Amino acid sequence: MCLDVLRALRKAPDVIEAVAAELDAAAGRHRAYDAFCASLKDRLQDASEHESSARRLTQDLALALQASLLARHSPALVFEAFVRARLGADWTGAFGTLAPNVPFDALIERAMPTAK
């Protein structure tokens, strides 16, 4: 999949503009998100030349696009927790590493199905 991403960038340069527009739709909502996206956009400009970084680029595209969608379509606490856990300086690549001050009860309540 990672090399397919690079091929898409090579064949259709407007893909970069489309990704940037999607990311920009959530710009200004979190400093870490904005910094992550700025770095990603810079890397996208010459990404098609570097197969060695394809896996990392694809991972970061997925994370940034997830964050953009969360910023626009979920409660702020979900977006905040995601950005802090996945885009901030503490991201280790391991799941289950949320900070101790994340509102776990609210996140769990939101995820639980309700009886009808």
N, C-alpha and C. Protein backbone atom coordinates (compact mmCIF):
# COMPACT_ATOMS: atom_id res chain seq x y z
N MET A 1 0.82 -1.18 0.00
CA MET A 1 0.00 0.00 0.00
C MET A 1 0.87 1.26 0.00
N CYS A 2 1.97 1.24 0.70
CA CYS A 2 2.81 2.42 0.82
C CYS A 2 3.39 2.84 -0.52
N LEU A 3 3.82 1.88 -1.30
CA LEU A 3 4.35 2.21 -2.62
C LEU A 3 3.23 2.67 -3.56
N ASP A 4 2.02 2.18 -3.34
CA ASP A 4 0.87 2.67 -4.11
C ASP A 4 0.62 4.15 -3.82
N VAL A 5 0.80 4.55 -2.58
CA VAL A 5 0.66 5.97 -2.23
C VAL A 5 1.67 6.79 -3.01
N LEU A 6 2.91 6.34 -3.04
CA LEU A 6 3.94 7.07 -3.80
C LEU A 6 3.60 7.12 -5.28
N ARG A 7 3.11 6.02 -5.83
CA ARG A 7 2.73 6.02 -7.25
C ARG A 7 1.61 7.02 -7.52
N ALA A 8 0.67 7.09 -6.63
CA ALA A 8 -0.43 8.06 -6.79
C ALA A 8 0.11 9.49 -6.77
N LEU A 9 1.05 9.75 -5.89
CA LEU A 9 1.64 11.09 -5.83
C LEU A 9 2.40 11.42 -7.11
N ARG A 10 3.06 10.43 -7.69
CA ARG A 10 3.82 10.64 -8.93
C ARG A 10 2.89 10.86 -10.13
N LYS A 11 1.83 10.06 -10.20
CA LYS A 11 0.96 10.10 -11.38
C LYS A 11 -0.03 11.26 -11.34
N ALA A 12 -0.45 11.65 -10.17
CA ALA A 12 -1.49 12.68 -10.05
C ALA A 12 -1.09 13.70 -8.98
N PRO A 13 -0.28 14.66 -9.36
CA PRO A 13 0.17 15.66 -8.38
C PRO A 13 -0.97 16.42 -7.69
N ASP A 14 -2.16 16.45 -8.30
CA ASP A 14 -3.28 17.12 -7.66
C ASP A 14 -3.76 16.39 -6.41
N VAL A 15 -3.27 15.16 -6.21
CA VAL A 15 -3.59 14.42 -4.99
C VAL A 15 -3.06 15.19 -3.77
N ILE A 16 -1.89 15.77 -3.90
CA ILE A 16 -1.31 16.54 -2.80
C ILE A 16 -2.21 17.72 -2.45
N GLU A 17 -2.74 18.39 -3.45
CA GLU A 17 -3.65 19.51 -3.20
C GLU A 17 -4.93 19.04 -2.52
N ALA A 18 -5.45 17.89 -2.92
CA ALA A 18 -6.66 17.35 -2.32
C ALA A 18 -6.43 16.98 -0.86
N VAL A 19 -5.29 16.37 -0.57
CA VAL A 19 -4.95 16.02 0.82
C VAL A 19 -4.79 17.29 1.64
N ALA A 20 -4.09 18.28 1.09
CA ALA A 20 -3.89 19.54 1.81
C ALA A 20 -5.23 20.21 2.12
N ALA A 21 -6.15 20.18 1.18
CA ALA A 21 -7.47 20.78 1.42
C ALA A 21 -8.20 20.05 2.54
N GLU A 22 -8.10 18.74 2.55
CA GLU A 22 -8.75 17.95 3.62
C GLU A 22 -8.14 18.29 4.99
N LEU A 23 -6.83 18.40 5.03
CA LEU A 23 -6.15 18.73 6.29
C LEU A 23 -6.45 20.16 6.72
N ASP A 24 -6.49 21.07 5.76
CA ASP A 24 -6.75 22.48 6.08
C ASP A 24 -8.15 22.71 6.63
N ALA A 25 -9.06 21.79 6.33
CA ALA A 25 -10.43 21.93 6.83
C ALA A 25 -10.49 21.91 8.36
N ALA A 26 -9.47 21.37 8.99
CA ALA A 26 -9.44 21.32 10.46
C ALA A 26 -8.32 22.19 11.04
N ALA A 27 -7.70 23.00 10.21
CA ALA A 27 -6.58 23.83 10.67
C ALA A 27 -7.04 24.81 11.75
N GLY A 28 -6.12 25.08 12.67
CA GLY A 28 -6.38 26.05 13.72
C GLY A 28 -7.08 25.50 14.95
N ARG A 29 -7.36 24.22 14.97
CA ARG A 29 -8.07 23.65 16.13
C ARG A 29 -7.15 23.10 17.20
N HIS A 30 -5.89 22.85 16.82
CA HIS A 30 -4.92 22.34 17.80
C HIS A 30 -3.52 22.61 17.28
N ARG A 31 -2.68 23.12 18.13
CA ARG A 31 -1.32 23.47 17.73
C ARG A 31 -0.53 22.24 17.25
N ALA A 32 -0.66 21.12 17.94
CA ALA A 32 0.06 19.91 17.53
C ALA A 32 -0.43 19.40 16.18
N TYR A 33 -1.73 19.48 15.95
CA TYR A 33 -2.29 19.09 14.66
C TYR A 33 -1.71 19.97 13.55
N ASP A 34 -1.72 21.27 13.77
CA ASP A 34 -1.21 22.19 12.75
C ASP A 34 0.26 21.93 12.44
N ALA A 35 1.06 21.70 13.48
CA ALA A 35 2.49 21.43 13.27
C ALA A 35 2.70 20.11 12.53
N PHE A 36 1.95 19.09 12.91
CA PHE A 36 2.05 17.78 12.26
C PHE A 36 1.69 17.91 10.77
N CYS A 37 0.62 18.62 10.48
CA CYS A 37 0.18 18.77 9.09
C CYS A 37 1.15 19.61 8.28
N ALA A 38 1.71 20.64 8.86
CA ALA A 38 2.70 21.46 8.14
C ALA A 38 3.90 20.62 7.75
N SER A 39 4.38 19.82 8.67
CA SER A 39 5.51 18.93 8.38
C SER A 39 5.13 17.91 7.31
N LEU A 40 3.95 17.35 7.42
CA LEU A 40 3.50 16.35 6.45
C LEU A 40 3.40 16.96 5.06
N LYS A 41 2.84 18.14 4.95
CA LYS A 41 2.71 18.79 3.64
C LYS A 41 4.09 19.04 3.02
N ASP A 42 5.05 19.44 3.83
CA ASP A 42 6.41 19.62 3.32
C ASP A 42 6.97 18.30 2.78
N ARG A 43 6.75 17.22 3.53
CA ARG A 43 7.26 15.91 3.12
C ARG A 43 6.56 15.40 1.87
N LEU A 44 5.29 15.75 1.69
CA LEU A 44 4.55 15.30 0.52
C LEU A 44 5.12 15.90 -0.76
N GLN A 45 5.69 17.07 -0.69
CA GLN A 45 6.20 17.74 -1.89
C GLN A 45 7.29 16.94 -2.59
N ASP A 46 8.11 16.23 -1.83
CA ASP A 46 9.16 15.43 -2.48
C ASP A 46 9.08 13.95 -2.10
N ALA A 47 7.93 13.53 -1.61
CA ALA A 47 7.76 12.16 -1.14
C ALA A 47 7.88 11.13 -2.25
N SER A 48 7.48 11.48 -3.44
CA SER A 48 7.49 10.49 -4.51
C SER A 48 8.90 10.06 -4.88
N GLU A 49 9.89 10.78 -4.41
CA GLU A 49 11.28 10.44 -4.72
C GLU A 49 11.92 9.52 -3.68
N HIS A 50 11.25 9.27 -2.56
CA HIS A 50 11.88 8.58 -1.44
C HIS A 50 11.10 7.34 -1.02
N GLU A 51 11.36 6.23 -1.66
CA GLU A 51 10.66 4.99 -1.31
C GLU A 51 10.99 4.53 0.10
N SER A 52 12.15 4.89 0.59
CA SER A 52 12.54 4.46 1.94
C SER A 52 11.64 5.07 3.02
N SER A 53 10.98 6.16 2.73
CA SER A 53 10.11 6.79 3.73
C SER A 53 8.63 6.56 3.45
N ALA A 54 8.32 5.69 2.52
CA ALA A 54 6.92 5.48 2.12
C ALA A 54 6.05 4.98 3.26
N ARG A 55 6.56 4.07 4.07
CA ARG A 55 5.77 3.52 5.17
C ARG A 55 5.43 4.60 6.20
N ARG A 56 6.40 5.39 6.56
CA ARG A 56 6.18 6.47 7.54
C ARG A 56 5.23 7.52 6.97
N LEU A 57 5.42 7.87 5.71
CA LEU A 57 4.55 8.86 5.08
C LEU A 57 3.09 8.38 5.06
N THR A 58 2.89 7.12 4.70
CA THR A 58 1.54 6.57 4.65
C THR A 58 0.91 6.54 6.03
N GLN A 59 1.68 6.16 7.03
CA GLN A 59 1.18 6.18 8.41
C GLN A 59 0.77 7.59 8.82
N ASP A 60 1.61 8.55 8.51
CA ASP A 60 1.32 9.93 8.91
C ASP A 60 0.13 10.51 8.15
N LEU A 61 -0.02 10.12 6.88
CA LEU A 61 -1.22 10.53 6.13
C LEU A 61 -2.48 10.01 6.81
N ALA A 62 -2.45 8.74 7.18
CA ALA A 62 -3.62 8.14 7.85
C ALA A 62 -3.92 8.85 9.17
N LEU A 63 -2.90 9.12 9.96
CA LEU A 63 -3.10 9.79 11.24
C LEU A 63 -3.65 11.21 11.05
N ALA A 64 -3.09 11.95 10.11
CA ALA A 64 -3.53 13.32 9.89
C ALA A 64 -4.96 13.37 9.36
N LEU A 65 -5.30 12.47 8.45
CA LEU A 65 -6.66 12.44 7.92
C LEU A 65 -7.66 12.00 8.98
N GLN A 66 -7.27 11.06 9.83
CA GLN A 66 -8.14 10.67 10.95
C GLN A 66 -8.39 11.87 11.85
N ALA A 67 -7.33 12.60 12.17
CA ALA A 67 -7.47 13.76 13.05
C ALA A 67 -8.36 14.82 12.42
N SER A 68 -8.22 15.05 11.12
CA SER A 68 -9.05 16.03 10.44
C SER A 68 -10.53 15.65 10.54
N LEU A 69 -10.82 14.39 10.30
CA LEU A 69 -12.21 13.92 10.40
C LEU A 69 -12.73 14.03 11.83
N LEU A 70 -11.92 13.66 12.79
CA LEU A 70 -12.34 13.77 14.19
C LEU A 70 -12.59 15.22 14.59
N ALA A 71 -11.75 16.12 14.12
CA ALA A 71 -11.91 17.54 14.45
C ALA A 71 -13.26 18.06 13.96
N ARG A 72 -13.70 17.55 12.83
CA ARG A 72 -14.92 18.08 12.21
C ARG A 72 -16.19 17.31 12.55
N HIS A 73 -16.03 16.06 13.03
CA HIS A 73 -17.22 15.22 13.18
C HIS A 73 -17.33 14.51 14.53
N SER A 74 -16.56 14.91 15.50
CA SER A 74 -16.65 14.27 16.82
C SER A 74 -16.58 15.35 17.89
N PRO A 75 -16.94 14.98 19.11
CA PRO A 75 -16.79 15.94 20.20
C PRO A 75 -15.32 16.35 20.39
N ALA A 76 -15.13 17.55 20.86
CA ALA A 76 -13.78 18.09 21.03
C ALA A 76 -12.90 17.20 21.90
N LEU A 77 -13.47 16.55 22.91
CA LEU A 77 -12.65 15.72 23.80
C LEU A 77 -12.07 14.52 23.06
N VAL A 78 -12.76 14.00 22.06
CA VAL A 78 -12.25 12.87 21.27
C VAL A 78 -11.09 13.34 20.40
N PHE A 79 -11.27 14.46 19.73
CA PHE A 79 -10.21 15.03 18.89
C PHE A 79 -8.98 15.35 19.75
N GLU A 80 -9.18 15.98 20.88
CA GLU A 80 -8.07 16.35 21.77
C GLU A 80 -7.29 15.12 22.22
N ALA A 81 -7.99 14.09 22.63
CA ALA A 81 -7.32 12.86 23.09
C ALA A 81 -6.54 12.22 21.95
N PHE A 82 -7.12 12.19 20.75
CA PHE A 82 -6.45 11.60 19.60
C PHE A 82 -5.18 12.37 19.26
N VAL A 83 -5.29 13.67 19.19
CA VAL A 83 -4.12 14.49 18.83
C VAL A 83 -3.02 14.33 19.87
N ARG A 84 -3.38 14.38 21.12
CA ARG A 84 -2.35 14.24 22.17
C ARG A 84 -1.71 12.87 22.13
N ALA A 85 -2.49 11.83 21.82
CA ALA A 85 -1.97 10.47 21.84
C ALA A 85 -1.22 10.09 20.57
N ARG A 86 -1.62 10.64 19.42
CA ARG A 86 -1.07 10.19 18.15
C ARG A 86 -0.22 11.21 17.40
N LEU A 87 -0.44 12.49 17.64
CA LEU A 87 0.29 13.51 16.89
C LEU A 87 1.26 14.30 17.75
N GLY A 88 1.14 14.16 19.04
CA GLY A 88 2.01 14.91 19.94
C GLY A 88 3.38 14.27 20.09
N ALA A 89 4.20 14.90 20.85
CA ALA A 89 5.59 14.46 21.03
C ALA A 89 5.69 13.12 21.77
N ASP A 90 4.65 12.72 22.48
CA ASP A 90 4.71 11.49 23.26
C ASP A 90 4.34 10.23 22.48
N TRP A 91 3.93 10.34 21.23
CA TRP A 91 3.51 9.18 20.44
C TRP A 91 4.68 8.24 20.24
N THR A 92 4.50 6.99 20.66
CA THR A 92 5.56 6.00 20.56
C THR A 92 5.26 4.94 19.51
N GLY A 93 4.08 4.99 18.94
CA GLY A 93 3.66 3.97 18.00
C GLY A 93 2.91 2.84 18.68
N ALA A 94 2.84 2.89 19.98
CA ALA A 94 2.12 1.87 20.75
C ALA A 94 0.73 2.39 21.11
N PHE A 95 -0.25 1.51 21.05
CA PHE A 95 -1.60 1.89 21.43
C PHE A 95 -1.78 1.71 22.93
N GLY A 96 -2.78 2.37 23.48
CA GLY A 96 -3.02 2.27 24.91
C GLY A 96 -2.11 3.17 25.72
N THR A 97 -1.68 4.26 25.11
CA THR A 97 -0.73 5.15 25.79
C THR A 97 -1.31 6.54 26.02
N LEU A 98 -2.59 6.61 26.32
CA LEU A 98 -3.20 7.90 26.60
C LEU A 98 -2.65 8.47 27.92
N ALA A 99 -2.57 9.77 27.97
CA ALA A 99 -2.09 10.44 29.19
C ALA A 99 -3.07 10.20 30.33
N PRO A 100 -2.59 10.22 31.56
CA PRO A 100 -3.47 9.93 32.70
C PRO A 100 -4.58 10.96 32.90
N ASN A 101 -4.44 12.16 32.35
CA ASN A 101 -5.47 13.19 32.56
C ASN A 101 -6.50 13.26 31.42
N VAL A 102 -6.50 12.27 30.54
CA VAL A 102 -7.52 12.19 29.48
C VAL A 102 -8.86 11.84 30.13
N PRO A 103 -9.96 12.43 29.68
CA PRO A 103 -11.27 12.13 30.29
C PRO A 103 -11.78 10.74 29.87
N PHE A 104 -11.21 9.72 30.50
CA PHE A 104 -11.54 8.34 30.13
C PHE A 104 -13.02 8.03 30.26
N ASP A 105 -13.63 8.47 31.35
CA ASP A 105 -15.05 8.16 31.56
C ASP A 105 -15.90 8.70 30.41
N ALA A 106 -15.63 9.92 29.98
CA ALA A 106 -16.40 10.52 28.89
C ALA A 106 -16.14 9.78 27.57
N LEU A 107 -14.91 9.39 27.33
CA LEU A 107 -14.58 8.64 26.10
C LEU A 107 -15.28 7.28 26.09
N ILE A 108 -15.23 6.60 27.23
CA ILE A 108 -15.87 5.27 27.33
C ILE A 108 -17.38 5.40 27.20
N GLU A 109 -17.96 6.40 27.86
CA GLU A 109 -19.41 6.59 27.77
C GLU A 109 -19.83 6.84 26.33
N ARG A 110 -19.05 7.62 25.60
CA ARG A 110 -19.37 7.91 24.20
C ARG A 110 -19.29 6.63 23.35
N ALA A 111 -18.37 5.76 23.66
CA ALA A 111 -18.15 4.56 22.85
C ALA A 111 -19.15 3.44 23.16
N MET A 112 -19.75 3.48 24.32
CA MET A 112 -20.66 2.41 24.73
C MET A 112 -22.01 2.54 24.03
N PRO A 113 -22.55 1.42 23.57
CA PRO A 113 -23.87 1.47 22.96
C PRO A 113 -24.93 1.74 24.02
N THR A 114 -25.98 2.38 23.60
CA THR A 114 -27.06 2.66 24.53
C THR A 114 -28.22 1.70 24.24
N ALA A 115 -28.89 1.31 25.28
CA ALA A 115 -30.05 0.42 25.13
C ALA A 115 -31.23 1.24 24.63
N LYS A 116 -31.98 0.63 23.74
CA LYS A 116 -33.17 1.34 23.20
C LYS A 116 -34.43 0.69 23.65
